[in-house]
């Protein structure tokens, strides 16, 4: 969960919305440092949340989904996490 910070979620949404043609362009879209964006996108790719399409020396980040659903049980034996949260 520490990977999916508000900044990273903003990056994912921007890539989905704007479809940047490169990591550099993705960094411009979110007005952030290219190195940081590259590191975050690499982490997301390792998790299977994003992937890269290579075009020559350019790597285009791709978000292939419209929605990200995370199921995070706190007590697998309890079964109903909503009841545990109330």
PDB file of N, CA and C in Angstrom:
ATOM      1  N   UNK A   1       0.818  -1.203   0.000  1.00  0.00           N
ATOM      2  CA  UNK A   1       0.000   0.000   0.000  1.00  0.00           C
ATOM      3  C   UNK A   1       0.860   1.264   0.000  1.00  0.00           C
ATOM      4  N   UNK A   2       2.080   1.174   0.539  1.00  0.00           N
ATOM      5  CA  UNK A   2       2.912   2.374   0.554  1.00  0.00           C
ATOM      6  C   UNK A   2       3.291   2.821  -0.853  1.00  0.00           C
ATOM      7  N   UNK A   3       3.170   1.936  -1.827  1.00  0.00           N
ATOM      8  CA  UNK A   3       3.461   2.294  -3.211  1.00  0.00           C
ATOM      9  C   UNK A   3       2.365   3.173  -3.797  1.00  0.00           C
ATOM     10  N   UNK A   4       1.119   2.940  -3.403  1.00  0.00           N
ATOM     11  CA  UNK A   4      -0.013   3.643  -3.999  1.00  0.00           C
ATOM     12  C   UNK A   4      -0.347   4.922  -3.230  1.00  0.00           C
ATOM     13  N   UNK A   5       0.614   5.823  -3.196  1.00  0.00           N
ATOM     14  CA  UNK A   5       0.428   7.117  -2.549  1.00  0.00           C
ATOM     15  C   UNK A   5      -0.478   7.994  -3.420  1.00  0.00           C
ATOM     16  N   UNK A   6      -0.996   9.082  -2.874  1.00  0.00           N
ATOM     17  CA  UNK A   6      -1.807   9.984  -3.708  1.00  0.00           C
ATOM     18  C   UNK A   6      -1.061  10.472  -4.959  1.00  0.00           C
ATOM     19  N   UNK A   7       0.249  10.718  -4.847  1.00  0.00           N
ATOM     20  CA  UNK A   7       1.028  11.152  -6.023  1.00  0.00           C
ATOM     21  C   UNK A   7       1.090  10.066  -7.088  1.00  0.00           C
ATOM     22  N   UNK A   8       1.250   8.822  -6.662  1.00  0.00           N
ATOM     23  CA  UNK A   8       1.310   7.702  -7.608  1.00  0.00           C
ATOM     24  C   UNK A   8      -0.055   7.485  -8.241  1.00  0.00           C
ATOM     25  N   UNK A   9      -1.114   7.593  -7.447  1.00  0.00           N
ATOM     26  CA  UNK A   9      -2.462   7.449  -8.006  1.00  0.00           C
ATOM     27  C   UNK A   9      -2.749   8.549  -9.014  1.00  0.00           C
ATOM     28  N   UNK A  10      -2.259   9.760  -8.750  1.00  0.00           N
ATOM     29  CA  UNK A  10      -2.394  10.865  -9.706  1.00  0.00           C
ATOM     30  C   UNK A  10      -1.646  10.540 -11.004  1.00  0.00           C
ATOM     31  N   UNK A  11      -0.465   9.958 -10.873  1.00  0.00           N
ATOM     32  CA  UNK A  11       0.322   9.568 -12.045  1.00  0.00           C
ATOM     33  C   UNK A  11      -0.406   8.507 -12.862  1.00  0.00           C
ATOM     34  N   UNK A  12      -0.945   7.502 -12.200  1.00  0.00           N
ATOM     35  CA  UNK A  12      -1.695   6.443 -12.894  1.00  0.00           C
ATOM     36  C   UNK A  12      -2.874   7.049 -13.646  1.00  0.00           C
ATOM     37  N   UNK A  13      -3.617   7.909 -12.977  1.00  0.00           N
ATOM     38  CA  UNK A  13      -4.781   8.540 -13.611  1.00  0.00           C
ATOM     39  C   UNK A  13      -4.374   9.406 -14.797  1.00  0.00           C
ATOM     40  N   UNK A  14      -3.278  10.149 -14.659  1.00  0.00           N
ATOM     41  CA  UNK A  14      -2.811  11.013 -15.751  1.00  0.00           C
ATOM     42  C   UNK A  14      -2.387  10.183 -16.966  1.00  0.00           C
ATOM     43  N   UNK A  15      -1.735   9.064 -16.725  1.00  0.00           N
ATOM     44  CA  UNK A  15      -1.320   8.202 -17.844  1.00  0.00           C
ATOM     45  C   UNK A  15      -2.546   7.630 -18.541  1.00  0.00           C
ATOM     46  N   UNK A  16      -3.520   7.204 -17.769  1.00  0.00           N
ATOM     47  CA  UNK A  16      -4.752   6.660 -18.360  1.00  0.00           C
ATOM     48  C   UNK A  16      -5.478   7.724 -19.177  1.00  0.00           C
ATOM     49  N   UNK A  17      -5.545   8.927 -18.634  1.00  0.00           N
ATOM     50  CA  UNK A  17      -6.301  10.007 -19.259  1.00  0.00           C
ATOM     51  C   UNK A  17      -5.585  10.597 -20.475  1.00  0.00           C
ATOM     52  N   UNK A  18      -4.277  10.889 -20.320  1.00  0.00           N
ATOM     53  CA  UNK A  18      -3.550  11.641 -21.342  1.00  0.00           C
ATOM     54  C   UNK A  18      -2.740  10.783 -22.304  1.00  0.00           C
ATOM     55  N   UNK A  19      -2.529   9.523 -21.976  1.00  0.00           N
ATOM     56  CA  UNK A  19      -1.784   8.590 -22.817  1.00  0.00           C
ATOM     57  C   UNK A  19      -0.468   9.187 -23.320  1.00  0.00           C
ATOM     58  N   UNK A  20       0.434   9.568 -22.405  1.00  0.00           N
ATOM     59  CA  UNK A  20       1.710  10.152 -22.834  1.00  0.00           C
ATOM     60  C   UNK A  20       2.523   9.161 -23.661  1.00  0.00           C
ATOM     61  N   UNK A  21       3.335   9.688 -24.574  1.00  0.00           N
ATOM     62  CA  UNK A  21       4.088   8.831 -25.496  1.00  0.00           C
ATOM     63  C   UNK A  21       5.427   8.374 -24.921  1.00  0.00           C
ATOM     64  N   UNK A  22       5.797   8.881 -23.744  1.00  0.00           N
ATOM     65  CA  UNK A  22       7.073   8.505 -23.145  1.00  0.00           C
ATOM     66  C   UNK A  22       7.034   8.792 -21.645  1.00  0.00           C
ATOM     67  N   UNK A  23       8.054   8.311 -20.941  1.00  0.00           N
ATOM     68  CA  UNK A  23       8.181   8.603 -19.516  1.00  0.00           C
ATOM     69  C   UNK A  23       8.399  10.102 -19.328  1.00  0.00           C
ATOM     70  N   UNK A  24       9.212  10.716 -20.205  1.00  0.00           N
ATOM     71  CA  UNK A  24       9.445  12.164 -20.124  1.00  0.00           C
ATOM     72  C   UNK A  24       8.136  12.940 -20.250  1.00  0.00           C
ATOM     73  N   UNK A  25       7.314  12.544 -21.191  1.00  0.00           N
ATOM     74  CA  UNK A  25       6.033  13.227 -21.385  1.00  0.00           C
ATOM     75  C   UNK A  25       5.117  12.996 -20.183  1.00  0.00           C
ATOM     76  N   UNK A  26       5.153  11.808 -19.613  1.00  0.00           N
ATOM     77  CA  UNK A  26       4.361  11.528 -18.411  1.00  0.00           C
ATOM     78  C   UNK A  26       4.781  12.450 -17.271  1.00  0.00           C
ATOM     79  N   UNK A  27       6.086  12.656 -17.125  1.00  0.00           N
ATOM     80  CA  UNK A  27       6.598  13.550 -16.090  1.00  0.00           C
ATOM     81  C   UNK A  27       6.121  14.985 -16.326  1.00  0.00           C
ATOM     82  N   UNK A  28       6.076  15.401 -17.580  1.00  0.00           N
ATOM     83  CA  UNK A  28       5.583  16.745 -17.903  1.00  0.00           C
ATOM     84  C   UNK A  28       4.102  16.888 -17.558  1.00  0.00           C
ATOM     85  N   UNK A  29       3.328  15.855 -17.845  1.00  0.00           N
ATOM     86  CA  UNK A  29       1.884  15.889 -17.592  1.00  0.00           C
ATOM     87  C   UNK A  29       1.603  16.104 -16.106  1.00  0.00           C
ATOM     88  N   UNK A  30       2.374  15.445 -15.241  1.00  0.00           N
ATOM     89  CA  UNK A  30       2.143  15.576 -13.795  1.00  0.00           C
ATOM     90  C   UNK A  30       3.062  16.620 -13.157  1.00  0.00           C
ATOM     91  N   UNK A  31       3.880  17.292 -13.988  1.00  0.00           N
ATOM     92  CA  UNK A  31       4.793  18.347 -13.524  1.00  0.00           C
ATOM     93  C   UNK A  31       5.709  17.845 -12.405  1.00  0.00           C
ATOM     94  N   UNK A  32       6.417  16.736 -12.720  1.00  0.00           N
ATOM     95  CA  UNK A  32       7.312  16.125 -11.747  1.00  0.00           C
ATOM     96  C   UNK A  32       8.629  15.753 -12.405  1.00  0.00           C
ATOM     97  N   UNK A  33       9.607  15.442 -11.587  1.00  0.00           N
ATOM     98  CA  UNK A  33      10.935  15.056 -12.039  1.00  0.00           C
ATOM     99  C   UNK A  33      10.886  13.730 -12.793  1.00  0.00           C
ATOM    100  N   UNK A  34      11.562  13.660 -13.936  1.00  0.00           N
ATOM    101  CA  UNK A  34      11.556  12.458 -14.774  1.00  0.00           C
ATOM    102  C   UNK A  34      12.092  11.245 -14.010  1.00  0.00           C
ATOM    103  N   UNK A  35      13.163  11.435 -13.254  1.00  0.00           N
ATOM    104  CA  UNK A  35      13.762  10.319 -12.518  1.00  0.00           C
ATOM    105  C   UNK A  35      12.766   9.707 -11.529  1.00  0.00           C
ATOM    106  N   UNK A  36      12.056  10.550 -10.789  1.00  0.00           N
ATOM    107  CA  UNK A  36      11.067  10.046  -9.822  1.00  0.00           C
ATOM    108  C   UNK A  36       9.916   9.325 -10.518  1.00  0.00           C
ATOM    109  N   UNK A  37       9.448   9.907 -11.606  1.00  0.00           N
ATOM    110  CA  UNK A  37       8.356   9.282 -12.360  1.00  0.00           C
ATOM    111  C   UNK A  37       8.815   7.937 -12.920  1.00  0.00           C
ATOM    112  N   UNK A  38      10.030   7.878 -13.437  1.00  0.00           N
ATOM    113  CA  UNK A  38      10.567   6.625 -13.965  1.00  0.00           C
ATOM    114  C   UNK A  38      10.624   5.559 -12.867  1.00  0.00           C
ATOM    115  N   UNK A  39      11.105   5.927 -11.685  1.00  0.00           N
ATOM    116  CA  UNK A  39      11.187   4.975 -10.568  1.00  0.00           C
ATOM    117  C   UNK A  39       9.802   4.468 -10.174  1.00  0.00           C
ATOM    118  N   UNK A  40       8.841   5.375 -10.074  1.00  0.00           N
ATOM    119  CA  UNK A  40       7.488   4.970  -9.697  1.00  0.00           C
ATOM    120  C   UNK A  40       6.860   4.074 -10.758  1.00  0.00           C
ATOM    121  N   UNK A  41       7.052   4.413 -12.025  1.00  0.00           N
ATOM    122  CA  UNK A  41       6.495   3.590 -13.094  1.00  0.00           C
ATOM    123  C   UNK A  41       7.149   2.215 -13.138  1.00  0.00           C
ATOM    124  N   UNK A  42       8.436   2.146 -12.840  1.00  0.00           N
ATOM    125  CA  UNK A  42       9.120   0.852 -12.795  1.00  0.00           C
ATOM    126  C   UNK A  42       8.557  -0.010 -11.673  1.00  0.00           C
ATOM    127  N   UNK A  43       8.302   0.598 -10.515  1.00  0.00           N
ATOM    128  CA  UNK A  43       7.687  -0.137  -9.396  1.00  0.00           C
ATOM    129  C   UNK A  43       6.294  -0.623  -9.777  1.00  0.00           C
ATOM    130  N   UNK A  44       5.526   0.249 -10.404  1.00  0.00           N
ATOM    131  CA  UNK A  44       4.170  -0.127 -10.812  1.00  0.00           C
ATOM    132  C   UNK A  44       4.196  -1.245 -11.843  1.00  0.00           C
ATOM    133  N   UNK A  45       5.175  -1.229 -12.733  1.00  0.00           N
ATOM    134  CA  UNK A  45       5.303  -2.287 -13.735  1.00  0.00           C
ATOM    135  C   UNK A  45       5.643  -3.617 -13.063  1.00  0.00           C
ATOM    136  N   UNK A  46       6.483  -3.586 -12.043  1.00  0.00           N
ATOM    137  CA  UNK A  46       6.811  -4.813 -11.308  1.00  0.00           C
ATOM    138  C   UNK A  46       5.583  -5.391 -10.624  1.00  0.00           C
ATOM    139  N   UNK A  47       4.662  -4.528 -10.213  1.00  0.00           N
ATOM    140  CA  UNK A  47       3.424  -4.968  -9.570  1.00  0.00           C
ATOM    141  C   UNK A  47       2.341  -5.355 -10.585  1.00  0.00           C
ATOM    142  N   UNK A  48       2.595  -5.095 -11.861  1.00  0.00           N
ATOM    143  CA  UNK A  48       1.613  -5.416 -12.901  1.00  0.00           C
ATOM    144  C   UNK A  48       0.532  -4.362 -13.062  1.00  0.00           C
ATOM    145  N   UNK A  49       0.729  -3.189 -12.459  1.00  0.00           N
ATOM    146  CA  UNK A  49      -0.271  -2.126 -12.548  1.00  0.00           C
ATOM    147  C   UNK A  49      -0.107  -1.339 -13.839  1.00  0.00           C
ATOM    148  N   UNK A  50       1.125  -1.175 -14.289  1.00  0.00           N
ATOM    149  CA  UNK A  50       1.398  -0.530 -15.568  1.00  0.00           C
ATOM    150  C   UNK A  50       2.327  -1.433 -16.376  1.00  0.00           C
ATOM    151  N   UNK A  51       2.516  -1.096 -17.629  1.00  0.00           N
ATOM    152  CA  UNK A  51       3.549  -1.745 -18.426  1.00  0.00           C
ATOM    153  C   UNK A  51       4.075  -0.726 -19.423  1.00  0.00           C
ATOM    154  N   UNK A  52       5.149  -1.077 -20.084  1.00  0.00           N
ATOM    155  CA  UNK A  52       5.767  -0.177 -21.055  1.00  0.00           C
ATOM    156  C   UNK A  52       5.680  -0.780 -22.440  1.00  0.00           C
ATOM    157  N   UNK A  53       5.336   0.071 -23.412  1.00  0.00           N
ATOM    158  CA  UNK A  53       5.456  -0.288 -24.827  1.00  0.00           C
ATOM    159  C   UNK A  53       6.700   0.414 -25.332  1.00  0.00           C
ATOM    160  N   UNK A  54       7.641  -0.363 -25.853  1.00  0.00           N
ATOM    161  CA  UNK A  54       8.893   0.226 -26.326  1.00  0.00           C
ATOM    162  C   UNK A  54       8.765   0.638 -27.781  1.00  0.00           C
ATOM    163  N   UNK A  55       9.228   1.855 -28.061  1.00  0.00           N
ATOM    164  CA  UNK A  55       9.214   2.403 -29.409  1.00  0.00           C
ATOM    165  C   UNK A  55      10.576   3.027 -29.645  1.00  0.00           C
ATOM    166  N   UNK A  56      11.500   2.243 -30.189  1.00  0.00           N
ATOM    167  CA  UNK A  56      12.880   2.708 -30.334  1.00  0.00           C
ATOM    168  C   UNK A  56      13.506   2.836 -28.965  1.00  0.00           C
ATOM    169  N   UNK A  57      14.009   4.020 -28.640  1.00  0.00           N
ATOM    170  CA  UNK A  57      14.592   4.233 -27.324  1.00  0.00           C
ATOM    171  C   UNK A  57      13.567   4.768 -26.320  1.00  0.00           C
ATOM    172  N   UNK A  58      12.381   5.028 -26.775  1.00  0.00           N
ATOM    173  CA  UNK A  58      11.331   5.563 -25.915  1.00  0.00           C
ATOM    174  C   UNK A  58      10.486   4.444 -25.334  1.00  0.00           C
ATOM    175  N   UNK A  59      10.108   4.603 -24.071  1.00  0.00           N
ATOM    176  CA  UNK A  59       9.215   3.648 -23.418  1.00  0.00           C
ATOM    177  C   UNK A  59       7.933   4.372 -23.057  1.00  0.00           C
ATOM    178  N   UNK A  60       6.836   3.920 -23.636  1.00  0.00           N
ATOM    179  CA  UNK A  60       5.535   4.549 -23.382  1.00  0.00           C
ATOM    180  C   UNK A  60       4.843   3.838 -22.240  1.00  0.00           C
ATOM    181  N   UNK A  61       4.557   4.546 -21.141  1.00  0.00           N
ATOM    182  CA  UNK A  61       3.843   3.908 -20.034  1.00  0.00           C
ATOM    183  C   UNK A  61       2.375   3.693 -20.406  1.00  0.00           C
ATOM    184  N   UNK A  62       1.853   2.542 -20.029  1.00  0.00           N
ATOM    185  CA  UNK A  62       0.470   2.199 -20.366  1.00  0.00           C
ATOM    186  C   UNK A  62      -0.260   1.756 -19.106  1.00  0.00           C
ATOM    187  N   UNK A  63      -1.439   2.325 -18.903  1.00  0.00           N
ATOM    188  CA  UNK A  63      -2.378   1.865 -17.884  1.00  0.00           C
ATOM    189  C   UNK A  63      -3.532   1.269 -18.666  1.00  0.00           C
ATOM    190  N   UNK A  64      -3.770   0.003 -18.496  1.00  0.00           N
ATOM    191  CA  UNK A  64      -4.703  -0.724 -19.348  1.00  0.00           C
ATOM    192  C   UNK A  64      -6.076  -0.934 -18.714  1.00  0.00           C
ATOM    193  N   UNK A  65      -6.347  -0.336 -17.577  1.00  0.00           N
ATOM    194  CA  UNK A  65      -7.613  -0.548 -16.883  1.00  0.00           C
ATOM    195  C   UNK A  65      -8.294   0.788 -16.608  1.00  0.00           C
ATOM    196  N   UNK A  66      -9.593   0.719 -16.348  1.00  0.00           N
ATOM    197  CA  UNK A  66     -10.366   1.913 -16.006  1.00  0.00           C
ATOM    198  C   UNK A  66     -10.562   2.054 -14.503  1.00  0.00           C
ATOM    199  N   UNK A  67     -10.303   0.975 -13.786  1.00  0.00           N
ATOM    200  CA  UNK A  67     -10.574   0.961 -12.353  1.00  0.00           C
ATOM    201  C   UNK A  67      -9.582   0.043 -11.671  1.00  0.00           C
ATOM    202  N   UNK A  68      -9.121   0.445 -10.501  1.00  0.00           N
ATOM    203  CA  UNK A  68      -8.201  -0.375  -9.719  1.00  0.00           C
ATOM    204  C   UNK A  68      -8.912  -0.751  -8.431  1.00  0.00           C
ATOM    205  N   UNK A  69      -9.159  -2.037  -8.248  1.00  0.00           N
ATOM    206  CA  UNK A  69      -9.851  -2.536  -7.059  1.00  0.00           C
ATOM    207  C   UNK A  69      -8.841  -3.310  -6.226  1.00  0.00           C
ATOM    208  N   UNK A  70      -8.754  -2.936  -4.964  1.00  0.00           N
ATOM    209  CA  UNK A  70      -7.823  -3.602  -4.063  1.00  0.00           C
ATOM    210  C   UNK A  70      -8.611  -4.279  -2.958  1.00  0.00           C
ATOM    211  N   UNK A  71      -8.407  -5.561  -2.813  1.00  0.00           N
ATOM    212  CA  UNK A  71      -9.036  -6.318  -1.744  1.00  0.00           C
ATOM    213  C   UNK A  71      -7.966  -6.578  -0.701  1.00  0.00           C
ATOM    214  N   UNK A  72      -8.101  -5.976   0.453  1.00  0.00           N
ATOM    215  CA  UNK A  72      -7.076  -6.046   1.475  1.00  0.00           C
ATOM    216  C   UNK A  72      -7.677  -6.555   2.779  1.00  0.00           C
ATOM    217  N   UNK A  73      -7.745  -7.882   2.960  1.00  0.00           N
ATOM    218  CA  UNK A  73      -8.304  -8.412   4.214  1.00  0.00           C
ATOM    219  C   UNK A  73      -7.336  -8.184   5.376  1.00  0.00           C
ATOM    220  N   UNK A  74      -7.874  -7.754   6.508  1.00  0.00           N
ATOM    221  CA  UNK A  74      -7.057  -7.536   7.686  1.00  0.00           C
ATOM    222  C   UNK A  74      -6.996  -8.783   8.553  1.00  0.00           C
ATOM    223  N   UNK A  75      -8.076  -9.525   8.580  1.00  0.00           N
ATOM    224  CA  UNK A  75      -8.129 -10.763   9.352  1.00  0.00           C
ATOM    225  C   UNK A  75      -8.772 -11.826   8.475  1.00  0.00           C
ATOM    226  N   UNK A  76      -7.948 -12.631   7.778  1.00  0.00           N
ATOM    227  CA  UNK A  76      -8.502 -13.612   6.840  1.00  0.00           C
ATOM    228  C   UNK A  76      -9.455 -14.602   7.506  1.00  0.00           C
ATOM    229  N   UNK A  77      -9.318 -14.837   8.812  1.00  0.00           N
ATOM    230  CA  UNK A  77     -10.192 -15.776   9.507  1.00  0.00           C
ATOM    231  C   UNK A  77     -11.562 -15.180   9.784  1.00  0.00           C
ATOM    232  N   UNK A  78     -11.650 -13.833   9.855  1.00  0.00           N
ATOM    233  CA  UNK A  78     -12.914 -13.178  10.180  1.00  0.00           C
ATOM    234  C   UNK A  78     -13.867 -13.193   8.990  1.00  0.00           C
ATOM    235  N   UNK A  79     -13.353 -13.213   7.773  1.00  0.00           N
ATOM    236  CA  UNK A  79     -14.187 -13.285   6.578  1.00  0.00           C
ATOM    237  C   UNK A  79     -14.727 -11.947   6.133  1.00  0.00           C
ATOM    238  N   UNK A  80     -15.425 -11.212   7.001  1.00  0.00           N
ATOM    239  CA  UNK A  80     -16.068  -9.957   6.626  1.00  0.00           C
ATOM    240  C   UNK A  80     -15.234  -8.778   7.132  1.00  0.00           C
ATOM    241  N   UNK A  81     -14.482  -8.154   6.234  1.00  0.00           N
ATOM    242  CA  UNK A  81     -13.613  -7.043   6.641  1.00  0.00           C
ATOM    243  C   UNK A  81     -14.427  -5.785   6.925  1.00  0.00           C
ATOM    244  N   UNK A  82     -15.610  -5.636   6.320  1.00  0.00           N
ATOM    245  CA  UNK A  82     -16.413  -4.452   6.567  1.00  0.00           C
ATOM    246  C   UNK A  82     -16.887  -4.425   8.026  1.00  0.00           C
ATOM    247  N   UNK A  83     -17.260  -5.570   8.562  1.00  0.00           N
ATOM    248  CA  UNK A  83     -17.716  -5.634   9.956  1.00  0.00           C
ATOM    249  C   UNK A  83     -16.581  -5.299  10.903  1.00  0.00           C
ATOM    250  N   UNK A  84     -15.373  -5.726  10.554  1.00  0.00           N
ATOM    251  CA  UNK A  84     -14.210  -5.450  11.407  1.00  0.00           C
ATOM    252  C   UNK A  84     -13.853  -3.968  11.389  1.00  0.00           C
ATOM    253  N   UNK A  85     -14.195  -3.271  10.304  1.00  0.00           N
ATOM    254  CA  UNK A  85     -13.836  -1.860  10.180  1.00  0.00           C
ATOM    255  C   UNK A  85     -14.824  -0.951  10.913  1.00  0.00           C
ATOM    256  N   UNK A  86     -16.030  -1.457  11.224  1.00  0.00           N
ATOM    257  CA  UNK A  86     -17.010  -0.585  11.858  1.00  0.00           C
ATOM    258  C   UNK A  86     -16.835  -0.449  13.345  1.00  0.00           C
TER     259      UNK A  86
END
